[in-house]
Amino acid sequence: MRGNIAQLMQQAQKMQENLQRAQEELAQLEVTGSAGGGMVSVTLTGRMECRGVKIDPSVLSDAEMTEDLVVAAINDAVNKVNAESQSRMSGATAGMPIPPGMKIPGLF
């Protein structure tokens, strides 16, 4: 029984190190979401900080369309960050008996 607990603790320590490394990598990550065939693009970091917005001048004459394209580009970037985060975090927890879909506080 003690061997199992010690082994589980070692696995937990390794998982914690892997999660920390994955978080550091995500902090450096930048993804670009786009809309309107690239007329609007938004770049976000893995921490959901906006690094840039590019808008094709041809869409500026229609404010409502521009607003819709900016929203769509942001949502595209957010979805990409979330997918990459989930992928990296699930890789970091590989080998640990964590139920599918369980969220680890402070990570997702």
N, C-alpha and C. Protein backbone atom coordinates (compact mmCIF):
# COMPACT_ATOMS: atom_id res chain seq x y z
N MET A 1 0.81 -1.19 0.00
CA MET A 1 0.00 0.00 0.00
C MET A 1 0.86 1.26 0.00
N ARG A 2 1.93 1.27 0.81
CA ARG A 2 2.80 2.44 0.86
C ARG A 2 3.48 2.69 -0.48
N GLY A 3 3.85 1.62 -1.15
CA GLY A 3 4.49 1.76 -2.46
C GLY A 3 3.56 2.42 -3.45
N ASN A 4 2.29 2.07 -3.38
CA ASN A 4 1.30 2.68 -4.28
C ASN A 4 1.15 4.17 -4.01
N ILE A 5 1.12 4.53 -2.73
CA ILE A 5 0.98 5.94 -2.38
C ILE A 5 2.23 6.72 -2.81
N ALA A 6 3.38 6.16 -2.58
CA ALA A 6 4.63 6.83 -2.99
C ALA A 6 4.67 6.98 -4.50
N GLN A 7 4.26 5.96 -5.20
CA GLN A 7 4.25 6.02 -6.67
C GLN A 7 3.24 7.08 -7.15
N LEU A 8 2.09 7.12 -6.52
CA LEU A 8 1.08 8.11 -6.87
C LEU A 8 1.58 9.52 -6.60
N MET A 9 2.28 9.71 -5.50
CA MET A 9 2.85 11.03 -5.18
C MET A 9 3.90 11.44 -6.21
N GLN A 10 4.72 10.49 -6.65
CA GLN A 10 5.72 10.78 -7.68
C GLN A 10 5.03 11.17 -8.98
N GLN A 11 3.97 10.46 -9.33
CA GLN A 11 3.22 10.78 -10.54
C GLN A 11 2.60 12.17 -10.43
N ALA A 12 2.07 12.50 -9.26
CA ALA A 12 1.46 13.81 -9.05
C ALA A 12 2.51 14.91 -9.18
N GLN A 13 3.70 14.67 -8.63
CA GLN A 13 4.79 15.66 -8.73
C GLN A 13 5.18 15.87 -10.19
N LYS A 14 5.30 14.79 -10.94
CA LYS A 14 5.66 14.88 -12.36
C LYS A 14 4.58 15.60 -13.15
N MET A 15 3.31 15.30 -12.82
CA MET A 15 2.22 15.97 -13.50
C MET A 15 2.24 17.47 -13.20
N GLN A 16 2.51 17.82 -11.96
CA GLN A 16 2.57 19.24 -11.59
C GLN A 16 3.68 19.95 -12.36
N GLU A 17 4.83 19.31 -12.49
CA GLU A 17 5.93 19.89 -13.27
C GLU A 17 5.54 20.04 -14.74
N ASN A 18 4.88 19.02 -15.28
CA ASN A 18 4.43 19.07 -16.68
C ASN A 18 3.41 20.18 -16.89
N LEU A 19 2.49 20.32 -15.95
CA LEU A 19 1.48 21.37 -16.05
C LEU A 19 2.11 22.75 -15.98
N GLN A 20 3.08 22.92 -15.11
CA GLN A 20 3.75 24.21 -15.00
C GLN A 20 4.48 24.55 -16.30
N ARG A 21 5.15 23.55 -16.87
CA ARG A 21 5.86 23.77 -18.13
C ARG A 21 4.86 24.11 -19.25
N ALA A 22 3.73 23.41 -19.28
CA ALA A 22 2.71 23.68 -20.29
C ALA A 22 2.15 25.09 -20.13
N GLN A 23 1.94 25.54 -18.90
CA GLN A 23 1.45 26.89 -18.65
C GLN A 23 2.45 27.93 -19.14
N GLU A 24 3.74 27.69 -18.90
CA GLU A 24 4.77 28.61 -19.35
C GLU A 24 4.80 28.68 -20.87
N GLU A 25 4.65 27.52 -21.52
CA GLU A 25 4.62 27.49 -22.98
C GLU A 25 3.40 28.24 -23.51
N LEU A 26 2.26 28.06 -22.86
CA LEU A 26 1.04 28.74 -23.29
C LEU A 26 1.17 30.25 -23.14
N ALA A 27 1.88 30.69 -22.12
CA ALA A 27 2.06 32.13 -21.93
C ALA A 27 2.81 32.75 -23.11
N GLN A 28 3.68 31.97 -23.74
CA GLN A 28 4.46 32.45 -24.88
C GLN A 28 3.72 32.29 -26.21
N LEU A 29 2.66 31.50 -26.21
CA LEU A 29 1.92 31.20 -27.42
C LEU A 29 1.20 32.43 -27.96
N GLU A 30 1.21 32.59 -29.26
CA GLU A 30 0.40 33.61 -29.92
C GLU A 30 -0.36 32.94 -31.06
N VAL A 31 -1.65 33.19 -31.13
CA VAL A 31 -2.48 32.65 -32.20
C VAL A 31 -3.21 33.80 -32.87
N THR A 32 -3.54 33.60 -34.14
CA THR A 32 -4.27 34.62 -34.88
C THR A 32 -5.59 34.04 -35.35
N GLY A 33 -6.64 34.74 -35.02
CA GLY A 33 -7.96 34.40 -35.51
C GLY A 33 -8.32 35.38 -36.60
N SER A 34 -9.10 34.91 -37.55
CA SER A 34 -9.46 35.80 -38.65
C SER A 34 -10.92 35.62 -39.03
N ALA A 35 -11.42 36.59 -39.78
CA ALA A 35 -12.80 36.56 -40.26
C ALA A 35 -12.87 37.29 -41.59
N GLY A 36 -13.91 36.99 -42.32
CA GLY A 36 -14.10 37.67 -43.61
C GLY A 36 -13.01 37.35 -44.60
N GLY A 37 -12.55 36.12 -44.59
CA GLY A 37 -11.50 35.74 -45.53
C GLY A 37 -10.19 36.47 -45.28
N GLY A 38 -9.95 36.82 -44.02
CA GLY A 38 -8.71 37.50 -43.66
C GLY A 38 -8.81 39.01 -43.66
N MET A 39 -10.02 39.55 -43.90
CA MET A 39 -10.15 41.01 -43.89
C MET A 39 -9.93 41.58 -42.50
N VAL A 40 -10.21 40.77 -41.48
CA VAL A 40 -9.95 41.18 -40.10
C VAL A 40 -9.22 40.03 -39.41
N SER A 41 -8.14 40.36 -38.71
CA SER A 41 -7.43 39.35 -37.93
C SER A 41 -7.08 39.92 -36.56
N VAL A 42 -7.08 39.00 -35.58
CA VAL A 42 -6.80 39.37 -34.19
C VAL A 42 -5.78 38.37 -33.66
N THR A 43 -4.73 38.88 -33.03
CA THR A 43 -3.71 38.02 -32.44
C THR A 43 -3.83 38.08 -30.92
N LEU A 44 -3.95 36.87 -30.32
CA LEU A 44 -4.05 36.75 -28.86
C LEU A 44 -2.91 35.88 -28.35
N THR A 45 -2.53 36.10 -27.09
CA THR A 45 -1.57 35.22 -26.44
C THR A 45 -2.33 34.07 -25.79
N GLY A 46 -1.59 33.10 -25.29
CA GLY A 46 -2.19 31.99 -24.58
C GLY A 46 -2.87 32.42 -23.29
N ARG A 47 -2.61 33.63 -22.86
CA ARG A 47 -3.27 34.19 -21.67
C ARG A 47 -4.43 35.10 -22.04
N MET A 48 -4.84 35.02 -23.30
CA MET A 48 -5.97 35.79 -23.84
C MET A 48 -5.71 37.30 -23.84
N GLU A 49 -4.45 37.70 -23.94
CA GLU A 49 -4.12 39.12 -24.07
C GLU A 49 -4.03 39.44 -25.55
N CYS A 50 -4.65 40.54 -25.96
CA CYS A 50 -4.64 40.92 -27.37
C CYS A 50 -3.30 41.56 -27.71
N ARG A 51 -2.67 41.06 -28.76
CA ARG A 51 -1.38 41.59 -29.21
C ARG A 51 -1.51 42.45 -30.46
N GLY A 52 -2.62 42.26 -31.19
CA GLY A 52 -2.77 43.06 -32.38
C GLY A 52 -4.09 42.82 -33.09
N VAL A 53 -4.52 43.84 -33.83
CA VAL A 53 -5.72 43.76 -34.65
C VAL A 53 -5.37 44.36 -36.00
N LYS A 54 -5.74 43.64 -37.07
CA LYS A 54 -5.52 44.16 -38.42
C LYS A 54 -6.86 44.18 -39.14
N ILE A 55 -7.18 45.32 -39.73
CA ILE A 55 -8.44 45.48 -40.44
C ILE A 55 -8.15 46.00 -41.84
N ASP A 56 -8.64 45.28 -42.83
CA ASP A 56 -8.49 45.71 -44.22
C ASP A 56 -9.28 47.00 -44.39
N PRO A 57 -8.67 48.04 -44.94
CA PRO A 57 -9.36 49.33 -45.10
C PRO A 57 -10.66 49.24 -45.89
N SER A 58 -10.79 48.23 -46.73
CA SER A 58 -12.00 48.12 -47.56
C SER A 58 -13.26 47.86 -46.74
N VAL A 59 -13.13 47.36 -45.52
CA VAL A 59 -14.33 47.08 -44.70
C VAL A 59 -14.68 48.23 -43.77
N LEU A 60 -13.85 49.23 -43.71
CA LEU A 60 -14.08 50.33 -42.77
C LEU A 60 -15.28 51.20 -43.12
N SER A 61 -15.73 51.15 -44.35
CA SER A 61 -16.87 51.99 -44.75
C SER A 61 -18.19 51.47 -44.18
N ASP A 62 -18.20 50.22 -43.73
CA ASP A 62 -19.41 49.62 -43.15
C ASP A 62 -19.12 49.26 -41.69
N ALA A 63 -19.48 50.16 -40.80
CA ALA A 63 -19.15 50.00 -39.37
C ALA A 63 -19.75 48.72 -38.79
N GLU A 64 -21.00 48.42 -39.12
CA GLU A 64 -21.64 47.24 -38.55
C GLU A 64 -20.94 45.95 -39.01
N MET A 65 -20.59 45.89 -40.28
CA MET A 65 -19.89 44.72 -40.79
C MET A 65 -18.51 44.61 -40.16
N THR A 66 -17.83 45.73 -39.99
CA THR A 66 -16.50 45.73 -39.36
C THR A 66 -16.60 45.21 -37.93
N GLU A 67 -17.57 45.68 -37.20
CA GLU A 67 -17.77 45.22 -35.83
C GLU A 67 -18.02 43.71 -35.79
N ASP A 68 -18.87 43.22 -36.69
CA ASP A 68 -19.16 41.78 -36.74
C ASP A 68 -17.91 40.97 -37.07
N LEU A 69 -17.10 41.48 -37.98
CA LEU A 69 -15.87 40.77 -38.36
C LEU A 69 -14.86 40.76 -37.21
N VAL A 70 -14.78 41.85 -36.46
CA VAL A 70 -13.86 41.91 -35.32
C VAL A 70 -14.31 40.88 -34.26
N VAL A 71 -15.60 40.83 -33.99
CA VAL A 71 -16.12 39.87 -33.02
C VAL A 71 -15.82 38.45 -33.48
N ALA A 72 -16.07 38.16 -34.75
CA ALA A 72 -15.82 36.82 -35.28
C ALA A 72 -14.34 36.46 -35.22
N ALA A 73 -13.46 37.42 -35.51
CA ALA A 73 -12.02 37.16 -35.46
C ALA A 73 -11.56 36.90 -34.03
N ILE A 74 -12.10 37.66 -33.09
CA ILE A 74 -11.76 37.45 -31.67
C ILE A 74 -12.21 36.06 -31.24
N ASN A 75 -13.44 35.70 -31.57
CA ASN A 75 -13.95 34.38 -31.20
C ASN A 75 -13.13 33.26 -31.83
N ASP A 76 -12.69 33.45 -33.05
CA ASP A 76 -11.85 32.46 -33.72
C ASP A 76 -10.53 32.30 -32.97
N ALA A 77 -9.92 33.42 -32.59
CA ALA A 77 -8.65 33.36 -31.84
C ALA A 77 -8.84 32.72 -30.48
N VAL A 78 -9.92 33.06 -29.78
CA VAL A 78 -10.19 32.48 -28.46
C VAL A 78 -10.36 30.97 -28.58
N ASN A 79 -11.11 30.53 -29.58
CA ASN A 79 -11.31 29.09 -29.80
C ASN A 79 -9.98 28.39 -30.07
N LYS A 80 -9.10 29.02 -30.82
CA LYS A 80 -7.79 28.42 -31.11
C LYS A 80 -6.93 28.34 -29.85
N VAL A 81 -6.94 29.39 -29.04
CA VAL A 81 -6.18 29.36 -27.78
C VAL A 81 -6.73 28.27 -26.87
N ASN A 82 -8.05 28.19 -26.75
CA ASN A 82 -8.65 27.16 -25.89
C ASN A 82 -8.31 25.75 -26.36
N ALA A 83 -8.35 25.52 -27.67
CA ALA A 83 -8.02 24.20 -28.21
C ALA A 83 -6.57 23.85 -27.93
N GLU A 84 -5.68 24.80 -28.13
CA GLU A 84 -4.25 24.55 -27.88
C GLU A 84 -4.00 24.33 -26.40
N SER A 85 -4.66 25.11 -25.56
CA SER A 85 -4.51 24.95 -24.12
C SER A 85 -4.97 23.57 -23.68
N GLN A 86 -6.13 23.16 -24.15
CA GLN A 86 -6.66 21.86 -23.77
C GLN A 86 -5.73 20.74 -24.25
N SER A 87 -5.21 20.89 -25.44
CA SER A 87 -4.31 19.88 -25.99
C SER A 87 -3.03 19.76 -25.16
N ARG A 88 -2.45 20.90 -24.85
CA ARG A 88 -1.20 20.89 -24.08
C ARG A 88 -1.40 20.41 -22.65
N MET A 89 -2.50 20.80 -22.04
CA MET A 89 -2.76 20.39 -20.66
C MET A 89 -3.09 18.90 -20.58
N SER A 90 -3.82 18.39 -21.57
CA SER A 90 -4.12 16.96 -21.53
C SER A 90 -2.85 16.15 -21.74
N GLY A 91 -1.92 16.67 -22.53
CA GLY A 91 -0.63 16.01 -22.69
C GLY A 91 0.18 16.04 -21.41
N ALA A 92 0.04 17.12 -20.65
CA ALA A 92 0.80 17.26 -19.41
C ALA A 92 0.29 16.33 -18.32
N THR A 93 -0.97 15.93 -18.41
CA THR A 93 -1.53 15.06 -17.39
C THR A 93 -1.54 13.60 -17.82
N ALA A 94 -0.96 13.31 -18.97
CA ALA A 94 -0.96 11.93 -19.48
C ALA A 94 -0.34 11.00 -18.45
N GLY A 95 -0.97 9.86 -18.27
CA GLY A 95 -0.45 8.89 -17.32
C GLY A 95 -1.07 9.00 -15.94
N MET A 96 -1.69 10.13 -15.65
CA MET A 96 -2.34 10.29 -14.34
C MET A 96 -3.80 9.90 -14.48
N PRO A 97 -4.33 9.23 -13.52
CA PRO A 97 -5.73 8.81 -13.58
C PRO A 97 -6.69 9.95 -13.26
N ILE A 98 -6.83 10.88 -14.20
CA ILE A 98 -7.73 12.01 -14.03
C ILE A 98 -8.94 11.77 -14.93
N PRO A 99 -10.14 11.81 -14.39
CA PRO A 99 -11.33 11.55 -15.20
C PRO A 99 -11.43 12.52 -16.38
N PRO A 100 -11.86 12.03 -17.55
CA PRO A 100 -12.02 12.91 -18.72
C PRO A 100 -12.96 14.06 -18.40
N GLY A 101 -12.59 15.25 -18.84
CA GLY A 101 -13.42 16.42 -18.62
C GLY A 101 -13.22 17.11 -17.29
N MET A 102 -12.45 16.49 -16.40
CA MET A 102 -12.21 17.12 -15.10
C MET A 102 -11.29 18.32 -15.29
N LYS A 103 -11.69 19.42 -14.72
CA LYS A 103 -10.89 20.64 -14.83
C LYS A 103 -10.06 20.80 -13.58
N ILE A 104 -8.80 21.14 -13.79
CA ILE A 104 -7.89 21.36 -12.68
C ILE A 104 -7.94 22.85 -12.35
N PRO A 105 -8.30 23.22 -11.13
CA PRO A 105 -8.44 24.63 -10.76
C PRO A 105 -7.19 25.44 -11.11
N GLY A 106 -7.43 26.62 -11.71
CA GLY A 106 -6.34 27.52 -12.03
C GLY A 106 -5.64 27.21 -13.34
N LEU A 107 -6.09 26.17 -14.05
CA LEU A 107 -5.41 25.83 -15.30
C LEU A 107 -6.28 26.03 -16.52
N PHE A 108 -7.56 25.86 -16.40
CA PHE A 108 -8.43 25.96 -17.57
C PHE A 108 -9.43 27.05 -17.40
